[in-house]
Amino acid sequence: MREPQVNSRWKDGRGELVTVTDVAFNFVRFIRDGYKFPVTYSPERFVKEFSPVTEAGK
């Protein structure tokens, strides 16, 4: 399992992309493509609901 990093790209179960903007021990903040406001999840919820996107996997 990969840990979220600032500026890393992830996708949800529907394939929608997000960009991580901030990471701390108790939260991950990200912005969905096409939206202007950030969302905050716990790290556990984030890695459960999102998977990392690799350059080859776009």
PDB file of N, CA and C in Angstrom:
ATOM      1  N   MET A   1       0.844  -1.175   0.000  1.00  0.00           N
ATOM      2  CA  MET A   1       0.000   0.000   0.000  1.00  0.00           C
ATOM      3  C   MET A   1       0.889   1.238   0.000  1.00  0.00           C
ATOM      4  N   ARG A   2       0.581   2.174  -0.864  1.00  0.00           N
ATOM      5  CA  ARG A   2       1.362   3.384  -0.978  1.00  0.00           C
ATOM      6  C   ARG A   2       0.771   4.492  -0.121  1.00  0.00           C
ATOM      7  N   GLU A   3       1.611   5.295   0.473  1.00  0.00           N
ATOM      8  CA  GLU A   3       1.167   6.413   1.301  1.00  0.00           C
ATOM      9  C   GLU A   3       0.965   7.648   0.421  1.00  0.00           C
ATOM     10  N   PRO A   4      -0.084   8.433   0.681  1.00  0.00           N
ATOM     11  CA  PRO A   4      -0.288   9.653  -0.100  1.00  0.00           C
ATOM     12  C   PRO A   4       0.822  10.674   0.154  1.00  0.00           C
ATOM     13  N   GLN A   5       1.235  11.339  -0.901  1.00  0.00           N
ATOM     14  CA  GLN A   5       2.259  12.384  -0.851  1.00  0.00           C
ATOM     15  C   GLN A   5       1.676  13.648  -1.492  1.00  0.00           C
ATOM     16  N   VAL A   6       2.144  14.804  -1.061  1.00  0.00           N
ATOM     17  CA  VAL A   6       1.698  16.058  -1.663  1.00  0.00           C
ATOM     18  C   VAL A   6       1.990  16.026  -3.161  1.00  0.00           C
ATOM     19  N   ASN A   7       1.024  16.476  -3.945  1.00  0.00           N
ATOM     20  CA  ASN A   7       1.060  16.525  -5.418  1.00  0.00           C
ATOM     21  C   ASN A   7       0.932  15.163  -6.091  1.00  0.00           C
ATOM     22  N   SER A   8       0.683  14.101  -5.330  1.00  0.00           N
ATOM     23  CA  SER A   8       0.479  12.797  -5.971  1.00  0.00           C
ATOM     24  C   SER A   8      -0.953  12.715  -6.497  1.00  0.00           C
ATOM     25  N   ARG A   9      -1.130  11.889  -7.529  1.00  0.00           N
ATOM     26  CA  ARG A   9      -2.436  11.719  -8.165  1.00  0.00           C
ATOM     27  C   ARG A   9      -3.005  10.366  -7.765  1.00  0.00           C
ATOM     28  N   TRP A  10      -4.300  10.347  -7.470  1.00  0.00           N
ATOM     29  CA  TRP A  10      -5.006   9.143  -7.071  1.00  0.00           C
ATOM     30  C   TRP A  10      -6.333   9.105  -7.806  1.00  0.00           C
ATOM     31  N   LYS A  11      -6.949   7.920  -7.856  1.00  0.00           N
ATOM     32  CA  LYS A  11      -8.274   7.818  -8.462  1.00  0.00           C
ATOM     33  C   LYS A  11      -9.189   7.023  -7.553  1.00  0.00           C
ATOM     34  N   ASP A  12     -10.483   7.350  -7.640  1.00  0.00           N
ATOM     35  CA  ASP A  12     -11.464   6.638  -6.821  1.00  0.00           C
ATOM     36  C   ASP A  12     -12.006   5.442  -7.596  1.00  0.00           C
ATOM     37  N   GLY A  13     -12.973   4.760  -7.045  1.00  0.00           N
ATOM     38  CA  GLY A  13     -13.539   3.563  -7.659  1.00  0.00           C
ATOM     39  C   GLY A  13     -14.212   3.816  -8.994  1.00  0.00           C
ATOM     40  N   ARG A  14     -14.627   5.058  -9.244  1.00  0.00           N
ATOM     41  CA  ARG A  14     -15.265   5.418 -10.519  1.00  0.00           C
ATOM     42  C   ARG A  14     -14.256   5.917 -11.536  1.00  0.00           C
ATOM     43  N   GLY A  15     -12.977   6.004 -11.125  1.00  0.00           N
ATOM     44  CA  GLY A  15     -11.929   6.466 -12.030  1.00  0.00           C
ATOM     45  C   GLY A  15     -11.728   7.972 -12.029  1.00  0.00           C
ATOM     46  N   GLU A  16     -12.419   8.684 -11.140  1.00  0.00           N
ATOM     47  CA  GLU A  16     -12.252  10.132 -11.066  1.00  0.00           C
ATOM     48  C   GLU A  16     -10.938  10.458 -10.354  1.00  0.00           C
ATOM     49  N   LEU A  17     -10.208  11.434 -10.885  1.00  0.00           N
ATOM     50  CA  LEU A  17      -8.878  11.762 -10.387  1.00  0.00           C
ATOM     51  C   LEU A  17      -8.901  12.861  -9.341  1.00  0.00           C
ATOM     52  N   VAL A  18      -7.972  12.744  -8.388  1.00  0.00           N
ATOM     53  CA  VAL A  18      -7.771  13.763  -7.360  1.00  0.00           C
ATOM     54  C   VAL A  18      -6.280  14.037  -7.240  1.00  0.00           C
ATOM     55  N   THR A  19      -5.953  15.209  -6.704  1.00  0.00           N
ATOM     56  CA  THR A  19      -4.571  15.578  -6.419  1.00  0.00           C
ATOM     57  C   THR A  19      -4.454  15.875  -4.938  1.00  0.00           C
ATOM     58  N   VAL A  20      -3.509  15.228  -4.270  1.00  0.00           N
ATOM     59  CA  VAL A  20      -3.285  15.443  -2.838  1.00  0.00           C
ATOM     60  C   VAL A  20      -2.597  16.799  -2.666  1.00  0.00           C
ATOM     61  N   THR A  21      -3.146  17.638  -1.763  1.00  0.00           N
ATOM     62  CA  THR A  21      -2.587  18.971  -1.534  1.00  0.00           C
ATOM     63  C   THR A  21      -1.905  19.114  -0.186  1.00  0.00           C
ATOM     64  N   ASP A  22      -2.246  18.244   0.772  1.00  0.00           N
ATOM     65  CA  ASP A  22      -1.660  18.347   2.105  1.00  0.00           C
ATOM     66  C   ASP A  22      -1.791  16.997   2.798  1.00  0.00           C
ATOM     67  N   VAL A  23      -0.773  16.622   3.572  1.00  0.00           N
ATOM     68  CA  VAL A  23      -0.784  15.356   4.303  1.00  0.00           C
ATOM     69  C   VAL A  23      -0.237  15.603   5.703  1.00  0.00           C
ATOM     70  N   ALA A  24      -0.923  15.078   6.714  1.00  0.00           N
ATOM     71  CA  ALA A  24      -0.448  15.116   8.093  1.00  0.00           C
ATOM     72  C   ALA A  24      -0.744  13.752   8.707  1.00  0.00           C
ATOM     73  N   PHE A  25      -0.368  13.565   9.964  1.00  0.00           N
ATOM     74  CA  PHE A  25      -0.556  12.249  10.576  1.00  0.00           C
ATOM     75  C   PHE A  25      -2.025  11.864  10.710  1.00  0.00           C
ATOM     76  N   ASN A  26      -2.927  12.858  10.758  1.00  0.00           N
ATOM     77  CA  ASN A  26      -4.344  12.539  10.982  1.00  0.00           C
ATOM     78  C   ASN A  26      -5.277  12.987   9.865  1.00  0.00           C
ATOM     79  N   PHE A  27      -4.752  13.491   8.741  1.00  0.00           N
ATOM     80  CA  PHE A  27      -5.623  13.854   7.627  1.00  0.00           C
ATOM     81  C   PHE A  27      -4.872  13.867   6.304  1.00  0.00           C
ATOM     82  N   VAL A  28      -5.657  13.699   5.236  1.00  0.00           N
ATOM     83  CA  VAL A  28      -5.177  13.867   3.864  1.00  0.00           C
ATOM     84  C   VAL A  28      -6.151  14.840   3.208  1.00  0.00           C
ATOM     85  N   ARG A  29      -5.636  15.916   2.652  1.00  0.00           N
ATOM     86  CA  ARG A  29      -6.480  16.905   1.981  1.00  0.00           C
ATOM     87  C   ARG A  29      -6.201  16.798   0.487  1.00  0.00           C
ATOM     88  N   PHE A  30      -7.278  16.818  -0.314  1.00  0.00           N
ATOM     89  CA  PHE A  30      -7.133  16.662  -1.760  1.00  0.00           C
ATOM     90  C   PHE A  30      -8.182  17.479  -2.490  1.00  0.00           C
ATOM     91  N   ILE A  31      -7.945  17.681  -3.777  1.00  0.00           N
ATOM     92  CA  ILE A  31      -8.900  18.385  -4.638  1.00  0.00           C
ATOM     93  C   ILE A  31      -9.243  17.458  -5.793  1.00  0.00           C
ATOM     94  N   ARG A  32     -10.540  17.321  -6.027  1.00  0.00           N
ATOM     95  CA  ARG A  32     -11.004  16.545  -7.177  1.00  0.00           C
ATOM     96  C   ARG A  32     -10.834  17.369  -8.445  1.00  0.00           C
ATOM     97  N   ASP A  33     -10.511  16.710  -9.554  1.00  0.00           N
ATOM     98  CA  ASP A  33     -10.406  17.413 -10.830  1.00  0.00           C
ATOM     99  C   ASP A  33     -11.737  18.081 -11.147  1.00  0.00           C
ATOM    100  N   GLY A  34     -11.683  19.352 -11.532  1.00  0.00           N
ATOM    101  CA  GLY A  34     -12.890  20.080 -11.899  1.00  0.00           C
ATOM    102  C   GLY A  34     -13.564  20.793 -10.739  1.00  0.00           C
ATOM    103  N   TYR A  35     -13.042  20.637  -9.530  1.00  0.00           N
ATOM    104  CA  TYR A  35     -13.605  21.292  -8.351  1.00  0.00           C
ATOM    105  C   TYR A  35     -12.583  22.272  -7.802  1.00  0.00           C
ATOM    106  N   LYS A  36     -13.051  23.276  -7.067  1.00  0.00           N
ATOM    107  CA  LYS A  36     -12.102  24.253  -6.550  1.00  0.00           C
ATOM    108  C   LYS A  36     -11.890  24.169  -5.049  1.00  0.00           C
ATOM    109  N   PHE A  37     -12.712  23.437  -4.336  1.00  0.00           N
ATOM    110  CA  PHE A  37     -12.570  23.351  -2.881  1.00  0.00           C
ATOM    111  C   PHE A  37     -12.008  22.002  -2.454  1.00  0.00           C
ATOM    112  N   PRO A  38     -11.125  22.001  -1.463  1.00  0.00           N
ATOM    113  CA  PRO A  38     -10.509  20.744  -1.006  1.00  0.00           C
ATOM    114  C   PRO A  38     -11.447  19.914  -0.143  1.00  0.00           C
ATOM    115  N   VAL A  39     -11.117  18.643  -0.055  1.00  0.00           N
ATOM    116  CA  VAL A  39     -11.834  17.671   0.779  1.00  0.00           C
ATOM    117  C   VAL A  39     -10.798  17.081   1.730  1.00  0.00           C
ATOM    118  N   THR A  40     -11.214  16.789   2.961  1.00  0.00           N
ATOM    119  CA  THR A  40     -10.306  16.211   3.947  1.00  0.00           C
ATOM    120  C   THR A  40     -10.831  14.859   4.402  1.00  0.00           C
ATOM    121  N   TYR A  41      -9.972  13.839   4.339  1.00  0.00           N
ATOM    122  CA  TYR A  41     -10.287  12.489   4.803  1.00  0.00           C
ATOM    123  C   TYR A  41      -9.221  12.072   5.809  1.00  0.00           C
ATOM    124  N   SER A  42      -9.556  11.072   6.601  1.00  0.00           N
ATOM    125  CA  SER A  42      -8.522  10.443   7.426  1.00  0.00           C
ATOM    126  C   SER A  42      -7.614   9.647   6.488  1.00  0.00           C
ATOM    127  N   PRO A  43      -6.364   9.430   6.863  1.00  0.00           N
ATOM    128  CA  PRO A  43      -5.468   8.631   5.997  1.00  0.00           C
ATOM    129  C   PRO A  43      -6.019   7.228   5.730  1.00  0.00           C
ATOM    130  N   GLU A  44      -6.638   6.623   6.735  1.00  0.00           N
ATOM    131  CA  GLU A  44      -7.187   5.275   6.569  1.00  0.00           C
ATOM    132  C   GLU A  44      -8.287   5.262   5.519  1.00  0.00           C
ATOM    133  N   ARG A  45      -9.197   6.221   5.598  1.00  0.00           N
ATOM    134  CA  ARG A  45     -10.290   6.293   4.622  1.00  0.00           C
ATOM    135  C   ARG A  45      -9.747   6.583   3.233  1.00  0.00           C
ATOM    136  N   PHE A  46      -8.781   7.490   3.141  1.00  0.00           N
ATOM    137  CA  PHE A  46      -8.235   7.861   1.840  1.00  0.00           C
ATOM    138  C   PHE A  46      -7.639   6.654   1.116  1.00  0.00           C
ATOM    139  N   VAL A  47      -6.753   5.907   1.782  1.00  0.00           N
ATOM    140  CA  VAL A  47      -6.114   4.766   1.097  1.00  0.00           C
ATOM    141  C   VAL A  47      -7.094   3.630   0.843  1.00  0.00           C
ATOM    142  N   LYS A  48      -8.194   3.588   1.597  1.00  0.00           N
ATOM    143  CA  LYS A  48      -9.223   2.569   1.364  1.00  0.00           C
ATOM    144  C   LYS A  48     -10.055   2.900   0.121  1.00  0.00           C
ATOM    145  N   GLU A  49     -10.327   4.192  -0.098  1.00  0.00           N
ATOM    146  CA  GLU A  49     -11.220   4.600  -1.181  1.00  0.00           C
ATOM    147  C   GLU A  49     -10.510   5.024  -2.467  1.00  0.00           C
ATOM    148  N   PHE A  50      -9.193   5.247  -2.409  1.00  0.00           N
ATOM    149  CA  PHE A  50      -8.450   5.714  -3.571  1.00  0.00           C
ATOM    150  C   PHE A  50      -7.271   4.806  -3.860  1.00  0.00           C
ATOM    151  N   SER A  51      -6.864   4.775  -5.110  1.00  0.00           N
ATOM    152  CA  SER A  51      -5.665   4.030  -5.486  1.00  0.00           C
ATOM    153  C   SER A  51      -4.721   4.967  -6.235  1.00  0.00           C
ATOM    154  N   PRO A  52      -3.404   4.778  -6.060  1.00  0.00           N
ATOM    155  CA  PRO A  52      -2.453   5.676  -6.713  1.00  0.00           C
ATOM    156  C   PRO A  52      -2.466   5.523  -8.223  1.00  0.00           C
ATOM    157  N   VAL A  53      -2.202   6.617  -8.899  1.00  0.00           N
ATOM    158  CA  VAL A  53      -2.127   6.623 -10.373  1.00  0.00           C
ATOM    159  C   VAL A  53      -0.664   6.742 -10.745  1.00  0.00           C
ATOM    160  N   THR A  54      -0.196   5.837 -11.580  1.00  0.00           N
ATOM    161  CA  THR A  54       1.171   5.906 -12.084  1.00  0.00           C
ATOM    162  C   THR A  54       1.140   6.568 -13.451  1.00  0.00           C
ATOM    163  N   GLU A  55       2.261   7.059 -13.906  1.00  0.00           N
ATOM    164  CA  GLU A  55       2.320   7.700 -15.217  1.00  0.00           C
ATOM    165  C   GLU A  55       1.857   6.734 -16.317  1.00  0.00           C
ATOM    166  N   ALA A  56       2.232   5.470 -16.189  1.00  0.00           N
ATOM    167  CA  ALA A  56       1.837   4.477 -17.194  1.00  0.00           C
ATOM    168  C   ALA A  56       0.361   4.117 -17.076  1.00  0.00           C
ATOM    169  N   GLY A  57      -0.218   4.295 -15.862  1.00  0.00           N
ATOM    170  CA  GLY A  57      -1.590   3.887 -15.618  1.00  0.00           C
ATOM    171  C   GLY A  57      -2.639   4.941 -15.865  1.00  0.00           C
ATOM    172  N   LYS A  58      -2.248   6.092 -16.426  1.00  0.00           N
ATOM    173  CA  LYS A  58      -3.218   7.169 -16.672  1.00  0.00           C
ATOM    174  C   LYS A  58      -4.160   6.827 -17.771  1.00  0.00           C
TER     175      LYS A  58
END
